[in-house]
Amino acid sequence: MFKFITNYAAGIDKVAIYPMISLLIFFLFFVVLLVYVRKMDKKSVDILSN
């Protein structure tokens, strides 16, 4: 099954861009999440911790 997927993906032009886009989206999600958590005030954190 994996050979079929790799052979199919190799036929797509510029297929190397898709893993880079996926990695970028993954990285940006966690960076935005980290910034959001760091900017939360202590009162909100205390409310969510209970």
Foldseek 3Di string as FASTA:
>chain_A
DVVVVVVVLVPDPPSVVVVVVVVVVVVVVVVVVVVVVVPDDPVVVVVVVD
